[in-house]
Amino acid sequence: MTIPKHIVSAAAIVLNEKNEILLIKGPRRGWEMPGGQVEEGESLEEAVVRETKEESGIEVEVIKFCGIYQNVSNSICNTLFLAKPMGGKPTTSSESLEVGYFSLEQAQKMVTWGNFKQRITYCLDEDTQPFFVPF
């Protein structure tokens, strides 16, 4: 398999009926929103639904597209969506050591990797959307 020149990923900010956010604890980056690389022949929405289910056990419905973070030096475009849970139960996987729903205040303390905290903030602030953040 050849490595693509550009990588596109899709991540979800999943809010339940209590306005709690779904987070997974990954083995490398700690607590983060579920998401991952878009596969060939897959839409961005299909990817975010699949990745969320694979990493968290939660089935989601995409509510809206929020924006893009572009990692210019690594040729990665990270697309972000707001979603709501439609079924399933929090379940760990090979990509998630822990899974759960947390208050937004608690989540902002738990998420520490790179600009992931900012990504959550932007996805929850309609005044910033749609956003494009190159870094």
C-alpha atoms as a PDB file:
ATOM      1  CA  MET A   1       0.000   0.000   0.000  1.00  0.00           C
ATOM      2  CA  THR A   2       1.327   3.414  -0.916  1.00  0.00           C
ATOM      3  CA  ILE A   3       1.057   6.215   1.600  1.00  0.00           C
ATOM      4  CA  PRO A   4      -1.188   9.007   0.302  1.00  0.00           C
ATOM      5  CA  LYS A   5       0.229  12.482  -0.154  1.00  0.00           C
ATOM      6  CA  HIS A   6      -2.665  13.967   1.804  1.00  0.00           C
ATOM      7  CA  ILE A   7      -4.629  12.498   4.654  1.00  0.00           C
ATOM      8  CA  VAL A   8      -8.237  13.448   5.397  1.00  0.00           C
ATOM      9  CA  SER A   9      -9.741  12.643   8.767  1.00  0.00           C
ATOM     10  CA  ALA A  10     -13.164  13.143  10.315  1.00  0.00           C
ATOM     11  CA  ALA A  11     -13.929  13.618  14.020  1.00  0.00           C
ATOM     12  CA  ALA A  12     -17.165  14.023  15.952  1.00  0.00           C
ATOM     13  CA  ILE A  13     -18.190  16.223  18.811  1.00  0.00           C
ATOM     14  CA  VAL A  14     -20.994  14.024  20.175  1.00  0.00           C
ATOM     15  CA  LEU A  15     -23.357  15.620  22.684  1.00  0.00           C
ATOM     16  CA  ASN A  16     -25.959  13.575  24.544  1.00  0.00           C
ATOM     17  CA  GLU A  17     -29.316  14.791  25.916  1.00  0.00           C
ATOM     18  CA  LYS A  18     -27.558  16.015  29.103  1.00  0.00           C
ATOM     19  CA  ASN A  19     -25.207  18.175  26.984  1.00  0.00           C
ATOM     20  CA  GLU A  20     -22.303  15.893  27.907  1.00  0.00           C
ATOM     21  CA  ILE A  21     -19.552  15.223  25.365  1.00  0.00           C
ATOM     22  CA  LEU A  22     -18.377  11.777  24.296  1.00  0.00           C
ATOM     23  CA  LEU A  23     -14.625  11.287  24.723  1.00  0.00           C
ATOM     24  CA  ILE A  24     -12.298   8.365  24.168  1.00  0.00           C
ATOM     25  CA  LYS A  25      -8.936   7.883  25.824  1.00  0.00           C
ATOM     26  CA  GLY A  26      -6.502   6.872  23.097  1.00  0.00           C
ATOM     27  CA  PRO A  27      -3.220   5.095  23.785  1.00  0.00           C
ATOM     28  CA  ARG A  28      -1.075   7.941  22.354  1.00  0.00           C
ATOM     29  CA  ARG A  29      -2.875  11.251  22.790  1.00  0.00           C
ATOM     30  CA  GLY A  30      -4.986  10.740  25.893  1.00  0.00           C
ATOM     31  CA  TRP A  31      -8.568  12.011  25.982  1.00  0.00           C
ATOM     32  CA  GLU A  32      -9.998  13.176  22.660  1.00  0.00           C
ATOM     33  CA  MET A  33     -13.085  13.147  20.482  1.00  0.00           C
ATOM     34  CA  PRO A  34     -13.627  10.006  18.370  1.00  0.00           C
ATOM     35  CA  GLY A  35     -12.505  10.133  14.757  1.00  0.00           C
ATOM     36  CA  GLY A  36     -10.009   8.918  12.233  1.00  0.00           C
ATOM     37  CA  GLN A  37      -8.912   8.638   8.633  1.00  0.00           C
ATOM     38  CA  VAL A  38     -11.436   8.687   5.806  1.00  0.00           C
ATOM     39  CA  GLU A  39     -11.188   5.513   3.726  1.00  0.00           C
ATOM     40  CA  GLU A  40     -11.235   5.372  -0.077  1.00  0.00           C
ATOM     41  CA  GLY A  41     -14.755   5.622  -1.476  1.00  0.00           C
ATOM     42  CA  GLU A  42     -16.153   6.880   1.853  1.00  0.00           C
ATOM     43  CA  SER A  43     -17.812  10.242   2.460  1.00  0.00           C
ATOM     44  CA  LEU A  44     -16.726  12.444   5.359  1.00  0.00           C
ATOM     45  CA  GLU A  45     -20.035  11.777   7.138  1.00  0.00           C
ATOM     46  CA  GLU A  46     -19.744   8.016   6.625  1.00  0.00           C
ATOM     47  CA  ALA A  47     -16.218   8.127   8.038  1.00  0.00           C
ATOM     48  CA  VAL A  48     -17.171  10.037  11.175  1.00  0.00           C
ATOM     49  CA  VAL A  49     -20.098   7.678  11.841  1.00  0.00           C
ATOM     50  CA  ARG A  50     -17.901   4.593  11.308  1.00  0.00           C
ATOM     51  CA  GLU A  51     -14.957   5.881  13.336  1.00  0.00           C
ATOM     52  CA  THR A  52     -17.178   6.928  16.242  1.00  0.00           C
ATOM     53  CA  LYS A  53     -18.821   3.481  16.335  1.00  0.00           C
ATOM     54  CA  GLU A  54     -15.459   1.668  16.054  1.00  0.00           C
ATOM     55  CA  GLU A  55     -13.748   3.699  18.761  1.00  0.00           C
ATOM     56  CA  SER A  56     -16.596   4.239  21.223  1.00  0.00           C
ATOM     57  CA  GLY A  57     -19.411   1.770  20.541  1.00  0.00           C
ATOM     58  CA  ILE A  58     -21.796   4.697  20.021  1.00  0.00           C
ATOM     59  CA  GLU A  59     -23.908   5.020  16.866  1.00  0.00           C
ATOM     60  CA  VAL A  60     -24.330   8.652  15.860  1.00  0.00           C
ATOM     61  CA  GLU A  61     -26.254  10.890  13.509  1.00  0.00           C
ATOM     62  CA  VAL A  62     -24.346  13.832  12.070  1.00  0.00           C
ATOM     63  CA  ILE A  63     -26.092  17.122  12.813  1.00  0.00           C
ATOM     64  CA  LYS A  64     -23.754  19.471  10.960  1.00  0.00           C
ATOM     65  CA  PHE A  65     -20.320  20.178   9.566  1.00  0.00           C
ATOM     66  CA  CYS A  66     -18.373  22.544  11.827  1.00  0.00           C
ATOM     67  CA  GLY A  67     -15.048  23.202  10.120  1.00  0.00           C
ATOM     68  CA  ILE A  68     -11.538  22.124   9.153  1.00  0.00           C
ATOM     69  CA  TYR A  69      -8.150  22.150  10.837  1.00  0.00           C
ATOM     70  CA  GLN A  70      -5.320  21.807   8.321  1.00  0.00           C
ATOM     71  CA  ASN A  71      -1.968  20.501   9.520  1.00  0.00           C
ATOM     72  CA  VAL A  72       0.024  22.034   6.664  1.00  0.00           C
ATOM     73  CA  SER A  73       3.425  20.493   7.454  1.00  0.00           C
ATOM     74  CA  ASN A  74       2.003  16.951   7.660  1.00  0.00           C
ATOM     75  CA  SER A  75      -0.535  17.370   4.791  1.00  0.00           C
ATOM     76  CA  ILE A  76      -3.501  16.412   6.988  1.00  0.00           C
ATOM     77  CA  CYS A  77      -6.991  17.913   6.795  1.00  0.00           C
ATOM     78  CA  ASN A  78      -9.050  17.244   9.931  1.00  0.00           C
ATOM     79  CA  THR A  79     -12.780  17.751   9.368  1.00  0.00           C
ATOM     80  CA  LEU A  80     -15.025  18.209  12.400  1.00  0.00           C
ATOM     81  CA  PHE A  81     -18.725  17.485  12.825  1.00  0.00           C
ATOM     82  CA  LEU A  82     -21.347  17.900  15.525  1.00  0.00           C
ATOM     83  CA  ALA A  83     -23.320  14.696  16.128  1.00  0.00           C
ATOM     84  CA  LYS A  84     -25.871  13.169  18.481  1.00  0.00           C
ATOM     85  CA  PRO A  85     -25.937   9.614  19.844  1.00  0.00           C
ATOM     86  CA  MET A  86     -28.568   7.324  18.322  1.00  0.00           C
ATOM     87  CA  GLY A  87     -27.743   4.023  20.029  1.00  0.00           C
ATOM     88  CA  GLY A  88     -25.061   1.709  21.297  1.00  0.00           C
ATOM     89  CA  LYS A  89     -23.258   1.860  24.607  1.00  0.00           C
ATOM     90  CA  PRO A  90     -19.812   3.161  25.527  1.00  0.00           C
ATOM     91  CA  THR A  91     -17.401   0.337  24.663  1.00  0.00           C
ATOM     92  CA  THR A  92     -13.604   0.327  24.476  1.00  0.00           C
ATOM     93  CA  SER A  93     -11.663  -0.930  21.449  1.00  0.00           C
ATOM     94  CA  SER A  94      -8.067  -1.360  20.325  1.00  0.00           C
ATOM     95  CA  GLU A  95      -8.107   2.409  19.700  1.00  0.00           C
ATOM     96  CA  SER A  96      -9.690   3.429  23.014  1.00  0.00           C
ATOM     97  CA  LEU A  97      -8.587   2.536  26.528  1.00  0.00           C
ATOM     98  CA  GLU A  98     -11.610   4.286  28.097  1.00  0.00           C
ATOM     99  CA  VAL A  99     -14.857   5.762  26.775  1.00  0.00           C
ATOM    100  CA  GLY A 100     -17.430   7.991  28.435  1.00  0.00           C
ATOM    101  CA  TYR A 101     -19.607  11.081  28.488  1.00  0.00           C
ATOM    102  CA  PHE A 102     -18.346  14.058  30.459  1.00  0.00           C
ATOM    103  CA  SER A 103     -19.545  17.567  31.285  1.00  0.00           C
ATOM    104  CA  LEU A 104     -18.092  20.195  28.963  1.00  0.00           C
ATOM    105  CA  GLU A 105     -16.193  21.724  31.896  1.00  0.00           C
ATOM    106  CA  GLN A 106     -14.704  18.363  32.851  1.00  0.00           C
ATOM    107  CA  ALA A 107     -13.855  17.546  29.221  1.00  0.00           C
ATOM    108  CA  GLN A 108     -11.941  20.804  28.783  1.00  0.00           C
ATOM    109  CA  LYS A 109      -9.698  19.752  31.693  1.00  0.00           C
ATOM    110  CA  MET A 110      -9.246  16.185  30.401  1.00  0.00           C
ATOM    111  CA  VAL A 111      -8.334  16.979  26.772  1.00  0.00           C
ATOM    112  CA  THR A 112      -4.689  18.071  26.672  1.00  0.00           C
ATOM    113  CA  TRP A 113      -3.292  17.064  23.244  1.00  0.00           C
ATOM    114  CA  GLY A 114      -2.306  19.819  20.807  1.00  0.00           C
ATOM    115  CA  ASN A 115      -5.220  22.000  19.715  1.00  0.00           C
ATOM    116  CA  PHE A 116      -7.937  19.407  20.473  1.00  0.00           C
ATOM    117  CA  LYS A 117      -9.394  21.543  23.287  1.00  0.00           C
ATOM    118  CA  GLN A 118      -9.738  24.441  20.837  1.00  0.00           C
ATOM    119  CA  ARG A 119     -11.410  22.143  18.308  1.00  0.00           C
ATOM    120  CA  ILE A 120     -14.114  21.289  20.832  1.00  0.00           C
ATOM    121  CA  THR A 121     -14.620  24.968  21.682  1.00  0.00           C
ATOM    122  CA  TYR A 122     -14.946  25.957  18.019  1.00  0.00           C
ATOM    123  CA  CYS A 123     -17.404  23.141  17.296  1.00  0.00           C
ATOM    124  CA  LEU A 124     -19.630  24.292  20.143  1.00  0.00           C
ATOM    125  CA  ASP A 125     -19.539  27.988  19.151  1.00  0.00           C
ATOM    126  CA  GLU A 126     -21.788  28.653  16.170  1.00  0.00           C
ATOM    127  CA  ASP A 127     -20.256  32.125  15.748  1.00  0.00           C
ATOM    128  CA  THR A 128     -16.947  30.545  14.650  1.00  0.00           C
ATOM    129  CA  GLN A 129     -18.495  28.196  12.075  1.00  0.00           C
ATOM    130  CA  PRO A 130     -17.659  27.178   9.542  1.00  0.00           C
ATOM    131  CA  PHE A 131     -14.017  27.561  10.522  1.00  0.00           C
ATOM    132  CA  PHE A 132     -10.770  26.923   8.726  1.00  0.00           C
ATOM    133  CA  VAL A 133      -7.661  26.768  10.928  1.00  0.00           C
ATOM    134  CA  PRO A 134      -4.297  26.133   9.268  1.00  0.00           C
ATOM    135  CA  PHE A 135      -1.447  25.251  11.620  1.00  0.00           C
END
